[in-house]
Amino acid sequence: MIVKHLEDIIGTSDDVDTPTWNSRRLLLKKDGMGFALNDTVIKAGTETLIWYQNHVEAVYCIEGEGEIEVVGGKTYPIKPGMIYALDGHEKHYLRAAASTHMRMVCVFNPPLTGSEVHDERGVYPVLDE
């Protein structure tokens, strides 16, 4: 059994902080579950271009508000209780409202190793540990 606490992740190498988001990586490839689980904060008033070319992701919003805009497609409002799944590797913009951060629970397949950040195209590379 794997037991972890968020407070034990914060401030470690599994707590990845960027100018637009902060991802606390709770389950990673090394945990052997076949998926990764993150507690991610999207910082207030930010926009991030994301394209999970190598991963599928499901996201559940538990706090805050914002929107996801599929490049060349529709924009969807995000609020607590909303889930979206990027099952088609959709390139998108993720935006948090200016007044609040968004807190999201994110599941990735294939699982992350923990050090991934978006490249200039918004892509997470597939990394080996």
N, C-alpha and C. Protein backbone atom coordinates (compact mmCIF):
# COMPACT_ATOMS: atom_id res chain seq x y z
N MET A 1 0.85 -1.18 0.00
CA MET A 1 0.00 0.00 0.00
C MET A 1 0.89 1.24 0.00
N ILE A 2 0.44 2.24 -0.72
CA ILE A 2 1.15 3.53 -0.78
C ILE A 2 0.33 4.53 0.02
N VAL A 3 0.96 5.21 0.95
CA VAL A 3 0.30 6.27 1.72
C VAL A 3 1.20 7.49 1.68
N LYS A 4 0.65 8.60 1.22
CA LYS A 4 1.39 9.86 1.16
C LYS A 4 0.48 10.97 1.65
N HIS A 5 1.08 12.06 2.10
CA HIS A 5 0.34 13.24 2.53
C HIS A 5 0.85 14.44 1.75
N LEU A 6 -0.06 15.29 1.30
CA LEU A 6 0.32 16.47 0.52
C LEU A 6 1.38 17.29 1.23
N GLU A 7 1.25 17.47 2.52
CA GLU A 7 2.22 18.30 3.25
C GLU A 7 3.63 17.70 3.20
N ASP A 8 3.75 16.41 2.96
CA ASP A 8 5.07 15.78 2.84
C ASP A 8 5.68 15.96 1.45
N ILE A 9 4.85 16.33 0.47
CA ILE A 9 5.31 16.55 -0.91
C ILE A 9 5.76 17.99 -1.10
N ILE A 10 5.05 18.93 -0.47
CA ILE A 10 5.31 20.36 -0.65
C ILE A 10 6.75 20.67 -0.23
N GLY A 11 7.46 21.37 -1.14
CA GLY A 11 8.83 21.76 -0.87
C GLY A 11 9.88 20.73 -1.23
N THR A 12 9.45 19.59 -1.80
CA THR A 12 10.39 18.55 -2.23
C THR A 12 10.57 18.61 -3.74
N SER A 13 11.38 17.71 -4.28
CA SER A 13 11.57 17.66 -5.74
C SER A 13 10.29 17.23 -6.47
N ASP A 14 9.32 16.66 -5.75
CA ASP A 14 8.03 16.29 -6.36
C ASP A 14 7.02 17.45 -6.33
N ASP A 15 7.47 18.62 -5.93
CA ASP A 15 6.66 19.85 -5.90
C ASP A 15 7.24 20.77 -6.97
N VAL A 16 6.67 20.71 -8.19
CA VAL A 16 7.22 21.44 -9.34
C VAL A 16 6.47 22.77 -9.47
N ASP A 17 7.22 23.87 -9.37
CA ASP A 17 6.64 25.21 -9.39
C ASP A 17 7.13 25.96 -10.63
N THR A 18 6.17 26.52 -11.40
CA THR A 18 6.49 27.33 -12.58
C THR A 18 5.79 28.68 -12.43
N PRO A 19 6.02 29.61 -13.34
CA PRO A 19 5.33 30.91 -13.23
C PRO A 19 3.81 30.84 -13.30
N THR A 20 3.24 29.79 -13.95
CA THR A 20 1.79 29.74 -14.12
C THR A 20 1.10 28.62 -13.34
N TRP A 21 1.85 27.63 -12.88
CA TRP A 21 1.25 26.52 -12.14
C TRP A 21 2.24 25.92 -11.16
N ASN A 22 1.69 25.20 -10.20
CA ASN A 22 2.47 24.48 -9.19
C ASN A 22 1.86 23.09 -9.06
N SER A 23 2.63 22.07 -9.42
CA SER A 23 2.14 20.69 -9.45
C SER A 23 2.81 19.86 -8.38
N ARG A 24 2.00 19.38 -7.44
CA ARG A 24 2.49 18.51 -6.39
C ARG A 24 2.21 17.08 -6.83
N ARG A 25 3.28 16.37 -7.21
CA ARG A 25 3.18 15.05 -7.83
C ARG A 25 3.05 13.98 -6.74
N LEU A 26 1.84 13.47 -6.58
CA LEU A 26 1.52 12.52 -5.50
C LEU A 26 1.86 11.08 -5.85
N LEU A 27 1.50 10.68 -7.07
CA LEU A 27 1.85 9.34 -7.56
C LEU A 27 2.60 9.51 -8.87
N LEU A 28 3.71 8.81 -8.99
CA LEU A 28 4.57 8.90 -10.17
C LEU A 28 4.86 7.52 -10.73
N LYS A 29 5.53 7.49 -11.86
CA LYS A 29 5.89 6.24 -12.51
C LYS A 29 6.57 5.28 -11.53
N LYS A 30 7.45 5.80 -10.69
CA LYS A 30 8.20 4.96 -9.75
C LYS A 30 7.30 4.26 -8.74
N ASP A 31 6.06 4.74 -8.57
CA ASP A 31 5.12 4.12 -7.64
C ASP A 31 4.45 2.88 -8.23
N GLY A 32 4.59 2.67 -9.55
CA GLY A 32 4.12 1.44 -10.17
C GLY A 32 2.62 1.28 -10.33
N MET A 33 1.87 2.37 -10.32
CA MET A 33 0.42 2.29 -10.43
C MET A 33 -0.08 2.32 -11.88
N GLY A 34 0.79 2.70 -12.82
CA GLY A 34 0.37 2.78 -14.22
C GLY A 34 -0.23 4.12 -14.61
N PHE A 35 -0.28 5.05 -13.68
CA PHE A 35 -0.76 6.40 -13.94
C PHE A 35 -0.10 7.33 -12.93
N ALA A 36 -0.17 8.63 -13.19
CA ALA A 36 0.32 9.64 -12.25
C ALA A 36 -0.86 10.44 -11.72
N LEU A 37 -0.74 10.90 -10.48
CA LEU A 37 -1.77 11.69 -9.83
C LEU A 37 -1.12 12.94 -9.25
N ASN A 38 -1.63 14.10 -9.64
CA ASN A 38 -1.08 15.39 -9.20
C ASN A 38 -2.15 16.23 -8.52
N ASP A 39 -1.74 17.02 -7.56
CA ASP A 39 -2.55 18.09 -6.98
C ASP A 39 -1.92 19.37 -7.51
N THR A 40 -2.62 20.04 -8.44
CA THR A 40 -2.04 21.16 -9.17
C THR A 40 -2.80 22.44 -8.90
N VAL A 41 -2.05 23.51 -8.69
CA VAL A 41 -2.62 24.85 -8.52
C VAL A 41 -2.27 25.66 -9.76
N ILE A 42 -3.31 26.17 -10.44
CA ILE A 42 -3.13 27.07 -11.57
C ILE A 42 -3.21 28.48 -10.99
N LYS A 43 -2.16 29.24 -11.16
CA LYS A 43 -2.05 30.54 -10.49
C LYS A 43 -3.01 31.57 -11.08
N ALA A 44 -3.58 32.38 -10.19
CA ALA A 44 -4.59 33.39 -10.57
C ALA A 44 -4.07 34.28 -11.70
N GLY A 45 -4.95 34.54 -12.67
CA GLY A 45 -4.66 35.47 -13.75
C GLY A 45 -3.65 34.96 -14.77
N THR A 46 -3.37 33.66 -14.79
CA THR A 46 -2.38 33.13 -15.73
C THR A 46 -3.04 32.38 -16.88
N GLU A 47 -2.26 32.23 -17.94
CA GLU A 47 -2.64 31.44 -19.11
C GLU A 47 -1.47 30.54 -19.46
N THR A 48 -1.76 29.26 -19.71
CA THR A 48 -0.72 28.30 -20.08
C THR A 48 -1.15 27.56 -21.34
N LEU A 49 -0.28 27.54 -22.34
CA LEU A 49 -0.50 26.72 -23.53
C LEU A 49 -0.05 25.30 -23.19
N ILE A 50 -0.95 24.34 -23.42
CA ILE A 50 -0.67 22.94 -23.08
C ILE A 50 -1.04 22.05 -24.25
N TRP A 51 -0.19 21.09 -24.54
CA TRP A 51 -0.47 20.10 -25.57
C TRP A 51 0.14 18.78 -25.11
N TYR A 52 -0.66 17.92 -24.53
CA TYR A 52 -0.17 16.62 -24.06
C TYR A 52 -0.12 15.67 -25.24
N GLN A 53 0.85 15.88 -26.07
CA GLN A 53 1.06 15.09 -27.27
C GLN A 53 1.38 13.64 -26.93
N ASN A 54 2.01 13.42 -25.77
CA ASN A 54 2.47 12.09 -25.37
C ASN A 54 1.68 11.48 -24.22
N HIS A 55 0.67 12.18 -23.73
CA HIS A 55 -0.09 11.72 -22.57
C HIS A 55 -1.58 11.98 -22.78
N VAL A 56 -2.40 11.25 -22.06
CA VAL A 56 -3.80 11.62 -21.88
C VAL A 56 -3.92 12.09 -20.43
N GLU A 57 -4.86 13.00 -20.20
CA GLU A 57 -5.01 13.57 -18.86
C GLU A 57 -6.49 13.75 -18.56
N ALA A 58 -6.86 13.46 -17.32
CA ALA A 58 -8.18 13.80 -16.79
C ALA A 58 -7.95 14.78 -15.64
N VAL A 59 -8.81 15.81 -15.59
CA VAL A 59 -8.65 16.89 -14.61
C VAL A 59 -9.98 17.13 -13.90
N TYR A 60 -9.92 17.20 -12.57
CA TYR A 60 -11.09 17.48 -11.74
C TYR A 60 -10.81 18.74 -10.94
N CYS A 61 -11.63 19.76 -11.14
CA CYS A 61 -11.47 21.03 -10.43
C CYS A 61 -12.11 20.93 -9.05
N ILE A 62 -11.32 21.26 -8.02
CA ILE A 62 -11.86 21.22 -6.66
C ILE A 62 -11.91 22.61 -6.02
N GLU A 63 -11.32 23.62 -6.70
CA GLU A 63 -11.30 24.95 -6.12
C GLU A 63 -11.01 25.98 -7.21
N GLY A 64 -11.66 27.15 -7.14
CA GLY A 64 -11.38 28.25 -8.05
C GLY A 64 -12.18 28.18 -9.34
N GLU A 65 -11.91 29.16 -10.21
CA GLU A 65 -12.61 29.24 -11.49
C GLU A 65 -11.66 29.67 -12.59
N GLY A 66 -12.02 29.30 -13.81
CA GLY A 66 -11.23 29.67 -14.97
C GLY A 66 -11.88 29.12 -16.22
N GLU A 67 -11.04 28.78 -17.21
CA GLU A 67 -11.57 28.22 -18.45
C GLU A 67 -10.49 27.43 -19.17
N ILE A 68 -10.96 26.53 -20.02
CA ILE A 68 -10.08 25.80 -20.93
C ILE A 68 -10.57 26.09 -22.35
N GLU A 69 -9.65 26.50 -23.19
CA GLU A 69 -9.96 26.80 -24.59
C GLU A 69 -9.20 25.82 -25.47
N VAL A 70 -9.92 25.01 -26.22
CA VAL A 70 -9.31 24.10 -27.17
C VAL A 70 -8.88 24.94 -28.37
N VAL A 71 -7.61 24.84 -28.77
CA VAL A 71 -7.11 25.62 -29.90
C VAL A 71 -7.92 25.27 -31.14
N GLY A 72 -8.52 26.29 -31.75
CA GLY A 72 -9.35 26.09 -32.92
C GLY A 72 -10.73 25.53 -32.60
N GLY A 73 -11.11 25.53 -31.34
CA GLY A 73 -12.38 24.93 -30.93
C GLY A 73 -13.08 25.73 -29.86
N LYS A 74 -13.76 25.03 -29.01
CA LYS A 74 -14.65 25.60 -28.01
C LYS A 74 -13.91 25.98 -26.72
N THR A 75 -14.50 26.93 -25.99
CA THR A 75 -14.01 27.32 -24.67
C THR A 75 -15.04 26.86 -23.64
N TYR A 76 -14.54 26.24 -22.56
CA TYR A 76 -15.40 25.70 -21.51
C TYR A 76 -15.06 26.37 -20.18
N PRO A 77 -16.07 26.85 -19.47
CA PRO A 77 -15.80 27.40 -18.13
C PRO A 77 -15.42 26.27 -17.17
N ILE A 78 -14.56 26.59 -16.24
CA ILE A 78 -14.15 25.64 -15.21
C ILE A 78 -14.55 26.18 -13.86
N LYS A 79 -15.17 25.32 -13.05
CA LYS A 79 -15.50 25.66 -11.67
C LYS A 79 -15.48 24.37 -10.86
N PRO A 80 -15.49 24.45 -9.54
CA PRO A 80 -15.43 23.24 -8.73
C PRO A 80 -16.53 22.23 -9.11
N GLY A 81 -16.14 20.97 -9.17
CA GLY A 81 -17.06 19.91 -9.54
C GLY A 81 -17.02 19.55 -11.01
N MET A 82 -16.26 20.30 -11.83
CA MET A 82 -16.17 20.06 -13.26
C MET A 82 -14.98 19.16 -13.57
N ILE A 83 -15.16 18.23 -14.47
CA ILE A 83 -14.08 17.37 -14.95
C ILE A 83 -13.95 17.55 -16.45
N TYR A 84 -12.71 17.51 -16.93
CA TYR A 84 -12.49 17.41 -18.37
C TYR A 84 -11.39 16.37 -18.60
N ALA A 85 -11.49 15.69 -19.74
CA ALA A 85 -10.53 14.66 -20.09
C ALA A 85 -10.00 14.94 -21.49
N LEU A 86 -8.69 15.02 -21.59
CA LEU A 86 -8.01 15.28 -22.86
C LEU A 86 -7.65 13.94 -23.50
N ASP A 87 -8.68 13.28 -24.00
CA ASP A 87 -8.50 11.94 -24.57
C ASP A 87 -8.04 11.96 -26.01
N GLY A 88 -8.04 13.15 -26.64
CA GLY A 88 -7.62 13.28 -28.03
C GLY A 88 -6.38 14.13 -28.18
N HIS A 89 -5.61 14.27 -27.10
CA HIS A 89 -4.37 15.06 -27.13
C HIS A 89 -4.63 16.50 -27.59
N GLU A 90 -5.75 17.06 -27.15
CA GLU A 90 -6.13 18.39 -27.58
C GLU A 90 -5.15 19.46 -27.10
N LYS A 91 -4.70 20.30 -28.03
CA LYS A 91 -3.88 21.46 -27.70
C LYS A 91 -4.84 22.50 -27.13
N HIS A 92 -4.46 23.11 -25.99
CA HIS A 92 -5.41 24.00 -25.33
C HIS A 92 -4.72 25.07 -24.50
N TYR A 93 -5.48 26.08 -24.17
CA TYR A 93 -5.06 27.11 -23.22
C TYR A 93 -5.83 26.88 -21.93
N LEU A 94 -5.12 26.91 -20.82
CA LEU A 94 -5.74 26.80 -19.51
C LEU A 94 -5.56 28.15 -18.82
N ARG A 95 -6.67 28.74 -18.39
CA ARG A 95 -6.64 30.06 -17.78
C ARG A 95 -7.34 30.05 -16.44
N ALA A 96 -6.70 30.64 -15.44
CA ALA A 96 -7.34 30.86 -14.14
C ALA A 96 -7.87 32.28 -14.12
N ALA A 97 -9.01 32.47 -13.48
CA ALA A 97 -9.58 33.80 -13.33
C ALA A 97 -8.58 34.71 -12.63
N ALA A 98 -8.66 36.00 -12.90
CA ALA A 98 -7.73 36.96 -12.31
C ALA A 98 -7.84 37.01 -10.79
N SER A 99 -9.01 36.70 -10.28
CA SER A 99 -9.27 36.86 -8.85
C SER A 99 -8.99 35.61 -8.01
N THR A 100 -8.73 34.48 -8.65
CA THR A 100 -8.59 33.24 -7.87
C THR A 100 -7.71 32.23 -8.59
N HIS A 101 -7.00 31.44 -7.82
CA HIS A 101 -6.29 30.30 -8.41
C HIS A 101 -7.30 29.16 -8.61
N MET A 102 -6.89 28.18 -9.39
CA MET A 102 -7.69 26.96 -9.52
C MET A 102 -6.86 25.82 -8.93
N ARG A 103 -7.52 24.94 -8.20
CA ARG A 103 -6.86 23.75 -7.68
C ARG A 103 -7.48 22.55 -8.37
N MET A 104 -6.62 21.73 -8.97
CA MET A 104 -7.06 20.63 -9.82
C MET A 104 -6.41 19.33 -9.37
N VAL A 105 -7.17 18.24 -9.49
CA VAL A 105 -6.62 16.90 -9.33
C VAL A 105 -6.44 16.35 -10.74
N CYS A 106 -5.21 15.98 -11.09
CA CYS A 106 -4.88 15.59 -12.46
C CYS A 106 -4.35 14.16 -12.49
N VAL A 107 -4.84 13.38 -13.46
CA VAL A 107 -4.39 12.00 -13.64
C VAL A 107 -3.78 11.90 -15.04
N PHE A 108 -2.58 11.32 -15.14
CA PHE A 108 -1.86 11.19 -16.41
C PHE A 108 -1.57 9.74 -16.73
N ASN A 109 -1.66 9.43 -18.03
CA ASN A 109 -1.21 8.16 -18.55
C ASN A 109 -0.51 8.45 -19.88
N PRO A 110 0.71 7.98 -20.13
CA PRO A 110 1.54 7.25 -19.20
C PRO A 110 1.91 8.11 -18.00
N PRO A 111 2.30 7.46 -16.91
CA PRO A 111 2.60 8.21 -15.70
C PRO A 111 3.82 9.11 -15.87
N LEU A 112 3.82 10.20 -15.12
CA LEU A 112 4.94 11.14 -15.11
C LEU A 112 6.05 10.60 -14.21
N THR A 113 7.27 11.02 -14.49
CA THR A 113 8.39 10.66 -13.62
C THR A 113 8.55 11.67 -12.50
N GLY A 114 8.04 12.88 -12.72
CA GLY A 114 8.07 13.90 -11.68
C GLY A 114 8.77 15.18 -12.08
N SER A 115 9.64 15.14 -13.07
CA SER A 115 10.40 16.35 -13.42
C SER A 115 9.88 17.04 -14.67
N GLU A 116 8.79 16.56 -15.25
CA GLU A 116 8.28 17.13 -16.49
C GLU A 116 7.79 18.57 -16.31
N VAL A 117 8.11 19.41 -17.29
CA VAL A 117 7.53 20.74 -17.45
C VAL A 117 7.23 20.91 -18.93
N HIS A 118 6.32 21.81 -19.26
CA HIS A 118 5.94 22.02 -20.66
C HIS A 118 7.09 22.63 -21.44
N ASP A 119 7.31 22.12 -22.65
CA ASP A 119 8.30 22.75 -23.53
C ASP A 119 7.66 23.94 -24.24
N GLU A 120 8.36 24.53 -25.19
CA GLU A 120 7.86 25.73 -25.88
C GLU A 120 6.58 25.48 -26.66
N ARG A 121 6.26 24.21 -26.96
CA ARG A 121 5.01 23.87 -27.66
C ARG A 121 3.91 23.47 -26.70
N GLY A 122 4.22 23.44 -25.38
CA GLY A 122 3.24 23.03 -24.38
C GLY A 122 3.24 21.55 -24.10
N VAL A 123 4.25 20.83 -24.59
CA VAL A 123 4.30 19.36 -24.53
C VAL A 123 5.13 18.92 -23.32
N TYR A 124 4.66 17.86 -22.65
CA TYR A 124 5.48 17.13 -21.67
C TYR A 124 6.21 16.04 -22.45
N PRO A 125 7.51 15.96 -22.35
CA PRO A 125 8.21 14.83 -22.99
C PRO A 125 7.93 13.55 -22.22
N VAL A 126 8.13 12.42 -22.87
CA VAL A 126 8.08 11.14 -22.17
C VAL A 126 9.48 10.92 -21.62
N LEU A 127 9.60 10.86 -20.30
CA LEU A 127 10.90 10.73 -19.65
C LEU A 127 11.04 9.37 -19.00
N ASP A 128 12.26 8.87 -18.99
CA ASP A 128 12.59 7.71 -18.17
C ASP A 128 13.10 8.25 -16.85
N GLU A 129 12.97 7.45 -15.82
CA GLU A 129 13.46 7.89 -14.51
C GLU A 129 14.97 7.98 -14.50
